[in-house]
Amino acid sequence: MSELRAGCGEKRLSGNEERAAVMTQFVQLIEFRTSRIDEFTKVLDEWLASTEGNRVPTRGILTKDRDREDTYTQIVEFPSYEQAMQNSSQPETTEFAANFAALCDGPPVFRNLDVVRDEQM
């Protein structure tokens, strides 16, 4: 059984409690093509700075596809779908989305995923 951290202490959850806690999480995958990745990371850094202390996502991972040139996937984790939708309506996120779209070499593909299982391996 993995452990979920609560504040500074640790709490061990039963299997059912752990599954219920994990099921509320939400992940968004954004696959996009750009030949301007340095500009994208600058725009992302600006968004991170502008949302400091008020940021909804809990984690972000930027990946580069080894098999397709200039293809990237941004993996963004949220506490819940509802909080992800609130994040989308923030002015800073709206501005980031517009700047991001301008840097893409075609429309990005979004995948909205509810987490049903999360394992530390």
PDB file of N, CA and C in Angstrom:
ATOM      1  N   MET A   1       0.834  -1.177   0.000  1.00  0.00           N
ATOM      2  CA  MET A   1       0.000   0.000   0.000  1.00  0.00           C
ATOM      3  C   MET A   1       0.881   1.244   0.000  1.00  0.00           C
ATOM      4  N   SER A   2       0.650   2.177  -0.870  1.00  0.00           N
ATOM      5  CA  SER A   2       1.452   3.403  -0.871  1.00  0.00           C
ATOM      6  C   SER A   2       0.913   4.366   0.183  1.00  0.00           C
ATOM      7  N   GLU A   3       1.687   5.388   0.473  1.00  0.00           N
ATOM      8  CA  GLU A   3       1.297   6.356   1.484  1.00  0.00           C
ATOM      9  C   GLU A   3       0.948   7.671   0.816  1.00  0.00           C
ATOM     10  N   LEU A   4      -0.084   8.323   1.306  1.00  0.00           N
ATOM     11  CA  LEU A   4      -0.438   9.660   0.858  1.00  0.00           C
ATOM     12  C   LEU A   4      -0.080  10.606   1.993  1.00  0.00           C
ATOM     13  N   ARG A   5       0.577  11.696   1.656  1.00  0.00           N
ATOM     14  CA  ARG A   5       1.030  12.635   2.678  1.00  0.00           C
ATOM     15  C   ARG A   5      -0.092  13.614   3.019  1.00  0.00           C
ATOM     16  N   ALA A   6      -0.213  13.913   4.301  1.00  0.00           N
ATOM     17  CA  ALA A   6      -1.203  14.885   4.776  1.00  0.00           C
ATOM     18  C   ALA A   6      -0.459  15.900   5.632  1.00  0.00           C
ATOM     19  N   GLY A   7      -0.286  17.120   5.134  1.00  0.00           N
ATOM     20  CA  GLY A   7       0.456  18.130   5.873  1.00  0.00           C
ATOM     21  C   GLY A   7       1.886  17.690   6.071  1.00  0.00           C
ATOM     22  N   CYS A   8       2.429  17.871   7.259  1.00  0.00           N
ATOM     23  CA  CYS A   8       3.810  17.485   7.552  1.00  0.00           C
ATOM     24  C   CYS A   8       3.909  16.024   7.955  1.00  0.00           C
ATOM     25  N   GLY A   9       2.813  15.432   8.394  1.00  0.00           N
ATOM     26  CA  GLY A   9       2.825  14.040   8.828  1.00  0.00           C
ATOM     27  C   GLY A   9       2.402  13.124   7.702  1.00  0.00           C
ATOM     28  N   GLU A  10       2.447  11.848   7.967  1.00  0.00           N
ATOM     29  CA  GLU A  10       2.025  10.871   6.979  1.00  0.00           C
ATOM     30  C   GLU A  10       0.845  10.111   7.525  1.00  0.00           C
ATOM     31  N   LYS A  11      -0.056   9.733   6.643  1.00  0.00           N
ATOM     32  CA  LYS A  11      -1.212   8.944   7.029  1.00  0.00           C
ATOM     33  C   LYS A  11      -1.303   7.770   6.072  1.00  0.00           C
ATOM     34  N   ARG A  12      -1.413   6.614   6.606  1.00  0.00           N
ATOM     35  CA  ARG A  12      -1.567   5.415   5.781  1.00  0.00           C
ATOM     36  C   ARG A  12      -3.060   5.184   5.590  1.00  0.00           C
ATOM     37  N   LEU A  13      -3.487   5.101   4.337  1.00  0.00           N
ATOM     38  CA  LEU A  13      -4.896   4.895   4.028  1.00  0.00           C
ATOM     39  C   LEU A  13      -5.141   3.443   3.678  1.00  0.00           C
ATOM     40  N   SER A  14      -6.338   2.995   3.962  1.00  0.00           N
ATOM     41  CA  SER A  14      -6.711   1.649   3.532  1.00  0.00           C
ATOM     42  C   SER A  14      -6.834   1.659   2.014  1.00  0.00           C
ATOM     43  N   GLY A  15      -6.883   0.483   1.405  1.00  0.00           N
ATOM     44  CA  GLY A  15      -6.998   0.387  -0.047  1.00  0.00           C
ATOM     45  C   GLY A  15      -8.190   1.142  -0.589  1.00  0.00           C
ATOM     46  N   ASN A  16      -9.357   1.012   0.047  1.00  0.00           N
ATOM     47  CA  ASN A  16     -10.560   1.706  -0.421  1.00  0.00           C
ATOM     48  C   ASN A  16     -10.431   3.211  -0.271  1.00  0.00           C
ATOM     49  N   GLU A  17      -9.877   3.658   0.875  1.00  0.00           N
ATOM     50  CA  GLU A  17      -9.688   5.098   1.081  1.00  0.00           C
ATOM     51  C   GLU A  17      -8.709   5.656   0.057  1.00  0.00           C
ATOM     52  N   GLU A  18      -7.635   4.927  -0.192  1.00  0.00           N
ATOM     53  CA  GLU A  18      -6.628   5.383  -1.142  1.00  0.00           C
ATOM     54  C   GLU A  18      -7.217   5.479  -2.544  1.00  0.00           C
ATOM     55  N   ARG A  19      -7.966   4.480  -2.954  1.00  0.00           N
ATOM     56  CA  ARG A  19      -8.580   4.524  -4.288  1.00  0.00           C
ATOM     57  C   ARG A  19      -9.555   5.687  -4.396  1.00  0.00           C
ATOM     58  N   ALA A  20     -10.323   5.957  -3.353  1.00  0.00           N
ATOM     59  CA  ALA A  20     -11.268   7.072  -3.379  1.00  0.00           C
ATOM     60  C   ALA A  20     -10.531   8.399  -3.482  1.00  0.00           C
ATOM     61  N   ALA A  21      -9.409   8.538  -2.746  1.00  0.00           N
ATOM     62  CA  ALA A  21      -8.627   9.774  -2.802  1.00  0.00           C
ATOM     63  C   ALA A  21      -8.039   9.974  -4.183  1.00  0.00           C
ATOM     64  N   VAL A  22      -7.527   8.921  -4.784  1.00  0.00           N
ATOM     65  CA  VAL A  22      -6.893   9.025  -6.093  1.00  0.00           C
ATOM     66  C   VAL A  22      -7.917   9.298  -7.181  1.00  0.00           C
ATOM     67  N   MET A  23      -9.096   8.730  -7.087  1.00  0.00           N
ATOM     68  CA  MET A  23     -10.094   8.864  -8.145  1.00  0.00           C
ATOM     69  C   MET A  23     -10.536  10.302  -8.367  1.00  0.00           C
ATOM     70  N   THR A  24     -10.312  11.181  -7.398  1.00  0.00           N
ATOM     71  CA  THR A  24     -10.721  12.566  -7.581  1.00  0.00           C
ATOM     72  C   THR A  24      -9.722  13.353  -8.413  1.00  0.00           C
ATOM     73  N   GLN A  25      -8.527  12.800  -8.629  1.00  0.00           N
ATOM     74  CA  GLN A  25      -7.502  13.520  -9.373  1.00  0.00           C
ATOM     75  C   GLN A  25      -7.833  13.549 -10.865  1.00  0.00           C
ATOM     76  N   PHE A  26      -7.251  14.535 -11.538  1.00  0.00           N
ATOM     77  CA  PHE A  26      -7.514  14.764 -12.956  1.00  0.00           C
ATOM     78  C   PHE A  26      -6.197  15.114 -13.636  1.00  0.00           C
ATOM     79  N   VAL A  27      -5.993  14.570 -14.828  1.00  0.00           N
ATOM     80  CA  VAL A  27      -4.786  14.841 -15.602  1.00  0.00           C
ATOM     81  C   VAL A  27      -5.198  15.314 -16.988  1.00  0.00           C
ATOM     82  N   GLN A  28      -4.513  16.331 -17.463  1.00  0.00           N
ATOM     83  CA  GLN A  28      -4.738  16.789 -18.834  1.00  0.00           C
ATOM     84  C   GLN A  28      -3.443  16.595 -19.612  1.00  0.00           C
ATOM     85  N   LEU A  29      -3.549  15.908 -20.741  1.00  0.00           N
ATOM     86  CA  LEU A  29      -2.431  15.756 -21.669  1.00  0.00           C
ATOM     87  C   LEU A  29      -2.670  16.707 -22.825  1.00  0.00           C
ATOM     88  N   ILE A  30      -1.651  17.462 -23.177  1.00  0.00           N
ATOM     89  CA  ILE A  30      -1.750  18.400 -24.297  1.00  0.00           C
ATOM     90  C   ILE A  30      -0.613  18.062 -25.251  1.00  0.00           C
ATOM     91  N   GLU A  31      -0.966  17.470 -26.372  1.00  0.00           N
ATOM     92  CA  GLU A  31       0.044  17.141 -27.380  1.00  0.00           C
ATOM     93  C   GLU A  31       0.061  18.261 -28.410  1.00  0.00           C
ATOM     94  N   PHE A  32       1.274  18.719 -28.736  1.00  0.00           N
ATOM     95  CA  PHE A  32       1.376  19.827 -29.690  1.00  0.00           C
ATOM     96  C   PHE A  32       2.683  19.737 -30.460  1.00  0.00           C
ATOM     97  N   ARG A  33       2.686  20.408 -31.602  1.00  0.00           N
ATOM     98  CA  ARG A  33       3.892  20.524 -32.421  1.00  0.00           C
ATOM     99  C   ARG A  33       4.301  21.979 -32.439  1.00  0.00           C
ATOM    100  N   THR A  34       5.608  22.193 -32.256  1.00  0.00           N
ATOM    101  CA  THR A  34       6.142  23.548 -32.365  1.00  0.00           C
ATOM    102  C   THR A  34       7.613  23.479 -32.720  1.00  0.00           C
ATOM    103  N   SER A  35       8.025  24.393 -33.567  1.00  0.00           N
ATOM    104  CA  SER A  35       9.442  24.555 -33.871  1.00  0.00           C
ATOM    105  C   SER A  35      10.022  25.682 -33.006  1.00  0.00           C
ATOM    106  N   ARG A  36       9.205  26.165 -32.056  1.00  0.00           N
ATOM    107  CA  ARG A  36       9.585  27.304 -31.217  1.00  0.00           C
ATOM    108  C   ARG A  36       9.505  26.931 -29.727  1.00  0.00           C
ATOM    109  N   ILE A  37      10.095  25.790 -29.363  1.00  0.00           N
ATOM    110  CA  ILE A  37       9.970  25.303 -27.989  1.00  0.00           C
ATOM    111  C   ILE A  37      10.594  26.258 -26.972  1.00  0.00           C
ATOM    112  N   ASP A  38      11.662  26.954 -27.345  1.00  0.00           N
ATOM    113  CA  ASP A  38      12.266  27.909 -26.410  1.00  0.00           C
ATOM    114  C   ASP A  38      11.289  29.032 -26.075  1.00  0.00           C
ATOM    115  N   GLU A  39      10.544  29.480 -27.076  1.00  0.00           N
ATOM    116  CA  GLU A  39       9.531  30.507 -26.832  1.00  0.00           C
ATOM    117  C   GLU A  39       8.403  29.956 -25.972  1.00  0.00           C
ATOM    118  N   PHE A  40       8.033  28.688 -26.203  1.00  0.00           N
ATOM    119  CA  PHE A  40       6.997  28.065 -25.379  1.00  0.00           C
ATOM    120  C   PHE A  40       7.428  28.031 -23.909  1.00  0.00           C
ATOM    121  N   THR A  41       8.662  27.598 -23.649  1.00  0.00           N
ATOM    122  CA  THR A  41       9.104  27.513 -22.250  1.00  0.00           C
ATOM    123  C   THR A  41       9.159  28.900 -21.601  1.00  0.00           C
ATOM    124  N   LYS A  42       9.462  29.926 -22.393  1.00  0.00           N
ATOM    125  CA  LYS A  42       9.440  31.296 -21.863  1.00  0.00           C
ATOM    126  C   LYS A  42       8.008  31.699 -21.472  1.00  0.00           C
ATOM    127  N   VAL A  43       7.051  31.394 -22.334  1.00  0.00           N
ATOM    128  CA  VAL A  43       5.644  31.705 -22.045  1.00  0.00           C
ATOM    129  C   VAL A  43       5.176  30.913 -20.816  1.00  0.00           C
ATOM    130  N   LEU A  44       5.588  29.655 -20.723  1.00  0.00           N
ATOM    131  CA  LEU A  44       5.232  28.839 -19.562  1.00  0.00           C
ATOM    132  C   LEU A  44       5.840  29.427 -18.290  1.00  0.00           C
ATOM    133  N   ASP A  45       7.103  29.841 -18.347  1.00  0.00           N
ATOM    134  CA  ASP A  45       7.747  30.459 -17.184  1.00  0.00           C
ATOM    135  C   ASP A  45       7.026  31.738 -16.760  1.00  0.00           C
ATOM    136  N   GLU A  46       6.557  32.520 -17.722  1.00  0.00           N
ATOM    137  CA  GLU A  46       5.808  33.743 -17.417  1.00  0.00           C
ATOM    138  C   GLU A  46       4.497  33.404 -16.713  1.00  0.00           C
ATOM    139  N   TRP A  47       3.822  32.346 -17.198  1.00  0.00           N
ATOM    140  CA  TRP A  47       2.571  31.917 -16.553  1.00  0.00           C
ATOM    141  C   TRP A  47       2.848  31.438 -15.127  1.00  0.00           C
ATOM    142  N   LEU A  48       3.922  30.662 -14.946  1.00  0.00           N
ATOM    143  CA  LEU A  48       4.279  30.191 -13.604  1.00  0.00           C
ATOM    144  C   LEU A  48       4.522  31.367 -12.659  1.00  0.00           C
ATOM    145  N   ALA A  49       5.213  32.380 -13.126  1.00  0.00           N
ATOM    146  CA  ALA A  49       5.482  33.561 -12.300  1.00  0.00           C
ATOM    147  C   ALA A  49       4.193  34.320 -11.976  1.00  0.00           C
ATOM    148  N   SER A  50       3.313  34.449 -12.963  1.00  0.00           N
ATOM    149  CA  SER A  50       2.084  35.228 -12.755  1.00  0.00           C
ATOM    150  C   SER A  50       1.062  34.511 -11.882  1.00  0.00           C
ATOM    151  N   THR A  51       1.185  33.203 -11.728  1.00  0.00           N
ATOM    152  CA  THR A  51       0.238  32.446 -10.911  1.00  0.00           C
ATOM    153  C   THR A  51       0.844  31.969  -9.587  1.00  0.00           C
ATOM    154  N   GLU A  52       2.048  32.432  -9.277  1.00  0.00           N
ATOM    155  CA  GLU A  52       2.715  32.042  -8.029  1.00  0.00           C
ATOM    156  C   GLU A  52       1.804  32.314  -6.836  1.00  0.00           C
ATOM    157  N   GLY A  53       1.618  31.296  -5.991  1.00  0.00           N
ATOM    158  CA  GLY A  53       0.773  31.431  -4.813  1.00  0.00           C
ATOM    159  C   GLY A  53      -0.704  31.276  -5.081  1.00  0.00           C
ATOM    160  N   ASN A  54      -1.084  31.204  -6.351  1.00  0.00           N
ATOM    161  CA  ASN A  54      -2.502  31.100  -6.721  1.00  0.00           C
ATOM    162  C   ASN A  54      -2.694  30.048  -7.809  1.00  0.00           C
ATOM    163  N   ARG A  55      -1.755  29.144  -7.937  1.00  0.00           N
ATOM    164  CA  ARG A  55      -1.743  28.162  -9.020  1.00  0.00           C
ATOM    165  C   ARG A  55      -2.600  26.953  -8.661  1.00  0.00           C
ATOM    166  N   VAL A  56      -3.411  26.486  -9.585  1.00  0.00           N
ATOM    167  CA  VAL A  56      -4.280  25.340  -9.361  1.00  0.00           C
ATOM    168  C   VAL A  56      -3.591  24.013  -9.681  1.00  0.00           C
ATOM    169  N   PRO A  57      -2.904  23.876 -10.819  1.00  0.00           N
ATOM    170  CA  PRO A  57      -2.254  22.587 -11.108  1.00  0.00           C
ATOM    171  C   PRO A  57      -1.226  22.237 -10.034  1.00  0.00           C
ATOM    172  N   THR A  58      -1.095  20.948  -9.767  1.00  0.00           N
ATOM    173  CA  THR A  58      -0.160  20.501  -8.749  1.00  0.00           C
ATOM    174  C   THR A  58       1.160  20.019  -9.332  1.00  0.00           C
ATOM    175  N   ARG A  59       1.164  19.699 -10.628  1.00  0.00           N
ATOM    176  CA  ARG A  59       2.388  19.218 -11.263  1.00  0.00           C
ATOM    177  C   ARG A  59       2.274  19.386 -12.767  1.00  0.00           C
ATOM    178  N   GLY A  60       3.412  19.673 -13.389  1.00  0.00           N
ATOM    179  CA  GLY A  60       3.472  19.765 -14.848  1.00  0.00           C
ATOM    180  C   GLY A  60       4.740  19.101 -15.353  1.00  0.00           C
ATOM    181  N   ILE A  61       4.614  18.328 -16.396  1.00  0.00           N
ATOM    182  CA  ILE A  61       5.756  17.658 -17.011  1.00  0.00           C
ATOM    183  C   ILE A  61       5.703  17.940 -18.506  1.00  0.00           C
ATOM    184  N   LEU A  62       6.796  18.444 -19.052  1.00  0.00           N
ATOM    185  CA  LEU A  62       6.903  18.662 -20.492  1.00  0.00           C
ATOM    186  C   LEU A  62       7.769  17.548 -21.066  1.00  0.00           C
ATOM    187  N   THR A  63       7.253  16.852 -22.079  1.00  0.00           N
ATOM    188  CA  THR A  63       7.997  15.755 -22.700  1.00  0.00           C
ATOM    189  C   THR A  63       8.183  16.032 -24.182  1.00  0.00           C
ATOM    190  N   LYS A  64       9.263  15.474 -24.731  1.00  0.00           N
ATOM    191  CA  LYS A  64       9.557  15.597 -26.160  1.00  0.00           C
ATOM    192  C   LYS A  64       9.470  14.212 -26.781  1.00  0.00           C
ATOM    193  N   ASP A  65       8.754  14.102 -27.859  1.00  0.00           N
ATOM    194  CA  ASP A  65       8.585  12.829 -28.554  1.00  0.00           C
ATOM    195  C   ASP A  65       9.878  12.462 -29.271  1.00  0.00           C
ATOM    196  N   ARG A  66      10.399  11.288 -29.011  1.00  0.00           N
ATOM    197  CA  ARG A  66      11.645  10.839 -29.648  1.00  0.00           C
ATOM    198  C   ARG A  66      11.438  10.447 -31.109  1.00  0.00           C
ATOM    199  N   ASP A  67      10.215  10.117 -31.475  1.00  0.00           N
ATOM    200  CA  ASP A  67       9.940   9.592 -32.813  1.00  0.00           C
ATOM    201  C   ASP A  67       9.356  10.614 -33.788  1.00  0.00           C
ATOM    202  N   ARG A  68       8.870  11.725 -33.262  1.00  0.00           N
ATOM    203  CA  ARG A  68       8.247  12.739 -34.117  1.00  0.00           C
ATOM    204  C   ARG A  68       8.879  14.093 -33.814  1.00  0.00           C
ATOM    205  N   GLU A  69       9.543  14.639 -34.815  1.00  0.00           N
ATOM    206  CA  GLU A  69      10.251  15.910 -34.661  1.00  0.00           C
ATOM    207  C   GLU A  69       9.296  17.028 -34.245  1.00  0.00           C
ATOM    208  N   ASP A  70       9.769  17.874 -33.344  1.00  0.00           N
ATOM    209  CA  ASP A  70       9.030  19.054 -32.879  1.00  0.00           C
ATOM    210  C   ASP A  70       7.670  18.716 -32.269  1.00  0.00           C
ATOM    211  N   THR A  71       7.525  17.514 -31.714  1.00  0.00           N
ATOM    212  CA  THR A  71       6.271  17.098 -31.085  1.00  0.00           C
ATOM    213  C   THR A  71       6.507  16.945 -29.588  1.00  0.00           C
ATOM    214  N   TYR A  72       5.610  17.542 -28.808  1.00  0.00           N
ATOM    215  CA  TYR A  72       5.740  17.583 -27.355  1.00  0.00           C
ATOM    216  C   TYR A  72       4.400  17.221 -26.714  1.00  0.00           C
ATOM    217  N   THR A  73       4.481  16.746 -25.480  1.00  0.00           N
ATOM    218  CA  THR A  73       3.280  16.531 -24.679  1.00  0.00           C
ATOM    219  C   THR A  73       3.498  17.179 -23.322  1.00  0.00           C
ATOM    220  N   GLN A  74       2.568  18.027 -22.951  1.00  0.00           N
ATOM    221  CA  GLN A  74       2.557  18.649 -21.626  1.00  0.00           C
ATOM    222  C   GLN A  74       1.567  17.844 -20.779  1.00  0.00           C
ATOM    223  N   ILE A  75       2.039  17.317 -19.659  1.00  0.00           N
ATOM    224  CA  ILE A  75       1.205  16.538 -18.746  1.00  0.00           C
ATOM    225  C   ILE A  75       0.957  17.415 -17.530  1.00  0.00           C
ATOM    226  N   VAL A  76      -0.311  17.718 -17.256  1.00  0.00           N
ATOM    227  CA  VAL A  76      -0.648  18.636 -16.168  1.00  0.00           C
ATOM    228  C   VAL A  76      -1.596  17.925 -15.203  1.00  0.00           C
ATOM    229  N   GLU A  77      -1.217  17.902 -13.923  1.00  0.00           N
ATOM    230  CA  GLU A  77      -2.016  17.243 -12.901  1.00  0.00           C
ATOM    231  C   GLU A  77      -2.780  18.273 -12.076  1.00  0.00           C
ATOM    232  N   PHE A  78      -4.033  17.932 -11.759  1.00  0.00           N
ATOM    233  CA  PHE A  78      -4.907  18.791 -10.969  1.00  0.00           C
ATOM    234  C   PHE A  78      -5.526  17.976  -9.829  1.00  0.00           C
ATOM    235  N   PRO A  79      -5.915  18.642  -8.748  1.00  0.00           N
ATOM    236  CA  PRO A  79      -6.602  17.931  -7.669  1.00  0.00           C
ATOM    237  C   PRO A  79      -7.940  17.332  -8.121  1.00  0.00           C
ATOM    238  N   SER A  80      -8.616  17.995  -9.071  1.00  0.00           N
ATOM    239  CA  SER A  80      -9.917  17.509  -9.545  1.00  0.00           C
ATOM    240  C   SER A  80     -10.236  18.138 -10.906  1.00  0.00           C
ATOM    241  N   TYR A  81     -11.195  17.563 -11.598  1.00  0.00           N
ATOM    242  CA  TYR A  81     -11.674  18.107 -12.868  1.00  0.00           C
ATOM    243  C   TYR A  81     -12.244  19.510 -12.660  1.00  0.00           C
ATOM    244  N   GLU A  82     -13.012  19.664 -11.584  1.00  0.00           N
ATOM    245  CA  GLU A  82     -13.645  20.956 -11.313  1.00  0.00           C
ATOM    246  C   GLU A  82     -12.596  22.054 -11.130  1.00  0.00           C
ATOM    247  N   GLN A  83     -11.525  21.733 -10.421  1.00  0.00           N
ATOM    248  CA  GLN A  83     -10.470  22.729 -10.221  1.00  0.00           C
ATOM    249  C   GLN A  83      -9.718  23.006 -11.523  1.00  0.00           C
ATOM    250  N   ALA A  84      -9.601  22.010 -12.372  1.00  0.00           N
ATOM    251  CA  ALA A  84      -8.979  22.223 -13.682  1.00  0.00           C
ATOM    252  C   ALA A  84      -9.815  23.199 -14.508  1.00  0.00           C
ATOM    253  N   MET A  85     -11.127  23.069 -14.448  1.00  0.00           N
ATOM    254  CA  MET A  85     -12.004  23.975 -15.195  1.00  0.00           C
ATOM    255  C   MET A  85     -11.944  25.385 -14.619  1.00  0.00           C
ATOM    256  N   GLN A  86     -11.819  25.505 -13.296  1.00  0.00           N
ATOM    257  CA  GLN A  86     -11.637  26.826 -12.684  1.00  0.00           C
ATOM    258  C   GLN A  86     -10.334  27.449 -13.160  1.00  0.00           C
ATOM    259  N   ASN A  87      -9.287  26.632 -13.252  1.00  0.00           N
ATOM    260  CA  ASN A  87      -7.991  27.117 -13.733  1.00  0.00           C
ATOM    261  C   ASN A  87      -8.116  27.660 -15.152  1.00  0.00           C
ATOM    262  N   SER A  88      -8.880  26.972 -15.983  1.00  0.00           N
ATOM    263  CA  SER A  88      -9.048  27.396 -17.382  1.00  0.00           C
ATOM    264  C   SER A  88      -9.672  28.778 -17.502  1.00  0.00           C
ATOM    265  N   SER A  89     -10.481  29.154 -16.514  1.00  0.00           N
ATOM    266  CA  SER A  89     -11.167  30.449 -16.596  1.00  0.00           C
ATOM    267  C   SER A  89     -10.368  31.595 -15.970  1.00  0.00           C
ATOM    268  N   GLN A  90      -9.211  31.313 -15.383  1.00  0.00           N
ATOM    269  CA  GLN A  90      -8.393  32.394 -14.819  1.00  0.00           C
ATOM    270  C   GLN A  90      -7.793  33.235 -15.943  1.00  0.00           C
ATOM    271  N   PRO A  91      -7.739  34.553 -15.772  1.00  0.00           N
ATOM    272  CA  PRO A  91      -7.194  35.433 -16.823  1.00  0.00           C
ATOM    273  C   PRO A  91      -5.770  35.060 -17.234  1.00  0.00           C
ATOM    274  N   GLU A  92      -4.934  34.682 -16.269  1.00  0.00           N
ATOM    275  CA  GLU A  92      -3.552  34.322 -16.591  1.00  0.00           C
ATOM    276  C   GLU A  92      -3.500  33.079 -17.483  1.00  0.00           C
ATOM    277  N   THR A  93      -4.398  32.133 -17.220  1.00  0.00           N
ATOM    278  CA  THR A  93      -4.435  30.907 -18.014  1.00  0.00           C
ATOM    279  C   THR A  93      -4.997  31.184 -19.401  1.00  0.00           C
ATOM    280  N   THR A  94      -5.986  32.052 -19.494  1.00  0.00           N
ATOM    281  CA  THR A  94      -6.542  32.437 -20.795  1.00  0.00           C
ATOM    282  C   THR A  94      -5.470  33.094 -21.655  1.00  0.00           C
ATOM    283  N   GLU A  95      -4.677  33.973 -21.048  1.00  0.00           N
ATOM    284  CA  GLU A  95      -3.587  34.633 -21.776  1.00  0.00           C
ATOM    285  C   GLU A  95      -2.522  33.610 -22.195  1.00  0.00           C
ATOM    286  N   PHE A  96      -2.175  32.699 -21.277  1.00  0.00           N
ATOM    287  CA  PHE A  96      -1.201  31.659 -21.604  1.00  0.00           C
ATOM    288  C   PHE A  96      -1.691  30.810 -22.777  1.00  0.00           C
ATOM    289  N   ALA A  97      -2.961  30.424 -22.751  1.00  0.00           N
ATOM    290  CA  ALA A  97      -3.519  29.577 -23.810  1.00  0.00           C
ATOM    291  C   ALA A  97      -3.445  30.260 -25.170  1.00  0.00           C
ATOM    292  N   ALA A  98      -3.710  31.556 -25.220  1.00  0.00           N
ATOM    293  CA  ALA A  98      -3.636  32.306 -26.478  1.00  0.00           C
ATOM    294  C   ALA A  98      -2.195  32.368 -26.982  1.00  0.00           C
ATOM    295  N   ASN A  99      -1.264  32.646 -26.086  1.00  0.00           N
ATOM    296  CA  ASN A  99       0.154  32.699 -26.471  1.00  0.00           C
ATOM    297  C   ASN A  99       0.659  31.323 -26.896  1.00  0.00           C
ATOM    298  N   PHE A 100       0.241  30.295 -26.178  1.00  0.00           N
ATOM    299  CA  PHE A 100       0.611  28.916 -26.496  1.00  0.00           C
ATOM    300  C   PHE A 100       0.116  28.532 -27.888  1.00  0.00           C
ATOM    301  N   ALA A 101      -1.143  28.810 -28.185  1.00  0.00           N
ATOM    302  CA  ALA A 101      -1.726  28.454 -29.486  1.00  0.00           C
ATOM    303  C   ALA A 101      -0.974  29.139 -30.626  1.00  0.00           C
ATOM    304  N   ALA A 102      -0.525  30.379 -30.405  1.00  0.00           N
ATOM    305  CA  ALA A 102       0.203  31.117 -31.436  1.00  0.00           C
ATOM    306  C   ALA A 102       1.563  30.481 -31.736  1.00  0.00           C
ATOM    307  N   LEU A 103       2.101  29.729 -30.790  1.00  0.00           N
ATOM    308  CA  LEU A 103       3.411  29.098 -30.974  1.00  0.00           C
ATOM    309  C   LEU A 103       3.317  27.693 -31.572  1.00  0.00           C
ATOM    310  N   CYS A 104       2.115  27.155 -31.653  1.00  0.00           N
ATOM    311  CA  CYS A 104       1.929  25.788 -32.158  1.00  0.00           C
ATOM    312  C   CYS A 104       1.914  25.760 -33.683  1.00  0.00           C
ATOM    313  N   ASP A 105       2.462  24.682 -34.237  1.00  0.00           N
ATOM    314  CA  ASP A 105       2.452  24.455 -35.684  1.00  0.00           C
ATOM    315  C   ASP A 105       1.247  23.580 -36.033  1.00  0.00           C
ATOM    316  N   GLY A 106       0.075  24.044 -35.678  1.00  0.00           N
ATOM    317  CA  GLY A 106      -1.161  23.286 -35.858  1.00  0.00           C
ATOM    318  C   GLY A 106      -1.902  23.241 -34.535  1.00  0.00           C
ATOM    319  N   PRO A 107      -3.142  22.768 -34.551  1.00  0.00           N
ATOM    320  CA  PRO A 107      -3.933  22.763 -33.315  1.00  0.00           C
ATOM    321  C   PRO A 107      -3.430  21.709 -32.326  1.00  0.00           C
ATOM    322  N   PRO A 108      -3.353  22.057 -31.050  1.00  0.00           N
ATOM    323  CA  PRO A 108      -2.975  21.067 -30.035  1.00  0.00           C
ATOM    324  C   PRO A 108      -4.111  20.070 -29.829  1.00  0.00           C
ATOM    325  N   VAL A 109      -3.757  18.884 -29.322  1.00  0.00           N
ATOM    326  CA  VAL A 109      -4.741  17.852 -29.014  1.00  0.00           C
ATOM    327  C   VAL A 109      -4.800  17.711 -27.503  1.00  0.00           C
ATOM    328  N   PHE A 110      -6.003  17.856 -26.951  1.00  0.00           N
ATOM    329  CA  PHE A 110      -6.203  17.773 -25.505  1.00  0.00           C
ATOM    330  C   PHE A 110      -6.828  16.434 -25.152  1.00  0.00           C
ATOM    331  N   ARG A 111      -6.339  15.825 -24.076  1.00  0.00           N
ATOM    332  CA  ARG A 111      -6.923  14.613 -23.514  1.00  0.00           C
ATOM    333  C   ARG A 111      -7.242  14.921 -22.058  1.00  0.00           C
ATOM    334  N   ASN A 112      -8.488  14.779 -21.677  1.00  0.00           N
ATOM    335  CA  ASN A 112      -8.949  15.041 -20.318  1.00  0.00           C
ATOM    336  C   ASN A 112      -9.187  13.713 -19.621  1.00  0.00           C
ATOM    337  N   LEU A 113      -8.367  13.421 -18.607  1.00  0.00           N
ATOM    338  CA  LEU A 113      -8.318  12.086 -18.030  1.00  0.00           C
ATOM    339  C   LEU A 113      -8.587  12.096 -16.528  1.00  0.00           C
ATOM    340  N   ASP A 114      -9.534  11.285 -16.081  1.00  0.00           N
ATOM    341  CA  ASP A 114      -9.741  11.045 -14.657  1.00  0.00           C
ATOM    342  C   ASP A 114      -8.770   9.948 -14.232  1.00  0.00           C
ATOM    343  N   VAL A 115      -8.080  10.163 -13.126  1.00  0.00           N
ATOM    344  CA  VAL A 115      -7.135   9.171 -12.616  1.00  0.00           C
ATOM    345  C   VAL A 115      -7.938   8.069 -11.923  1.00  0.00           C
ATOM    346  N   VAL A 116      -7.729   6.842 -12.347  1.00  0.00           N
ATOM    347  CA  VAL A 116      -8.404   5.721 -11.703  1.00  0.00           C
ATOM    348  C   VAL A 116      -7.440   4.874 -10.886  1.00  0.00           C
ATOM    349  N   ARG A 117      -6.158   5.038 -11.146  1.00  0.00           N
ATOM    350  CA  ARG A 117      -5.140   4.319 -10.360  1.00  0.00           C
ATOM    351  C   ARG A 117      -3.811   5.046 -10.495  1.00  0.00           C
ATOM    352  N   ASP A 118      -3.097   5.144  -9.380  1.00  0.00           N
ATOM    353  CA  ASP A 118      -1.814   5.828  -9.352  1.00  0.00           C
ATOM    354  C   ASP A 118      -0.873   5.015  -8.485  1.00  0.00           C
ATOM    355  N   GLU A 119       0.202   4.564  -9.048  1.00  0.00           N
ATOM    356  CA  GLU A 119       1.154   3.725  -8.331  1.00  0.00           C
ATOM    357  C   GLU A 119       2.539   4.357  -8.332  1.00  0.00           C
ATOM    358  N   GLN A 120       3.242   4.277  -7.221  1.00  0.00           N
ATOM    359  CA  GLN A 120       4.659   4.610  -7.172  1.00  0.00           C
ATOM    360  C   GLN A 120       5.403   3.341  -7.552  1.00  0.00           C
ATOM    361  N   MET A 121       6.247   3.398  -8.550  1.00  0.00           N
ATOM    362  CA  MET A 121       6.932   2.186  -9.021  1.00  0.00           C
ATOM    363  C   MET A 121       8.420   2.289  -8.782  1.00  0.00           C
TER     364      MET A 121
END
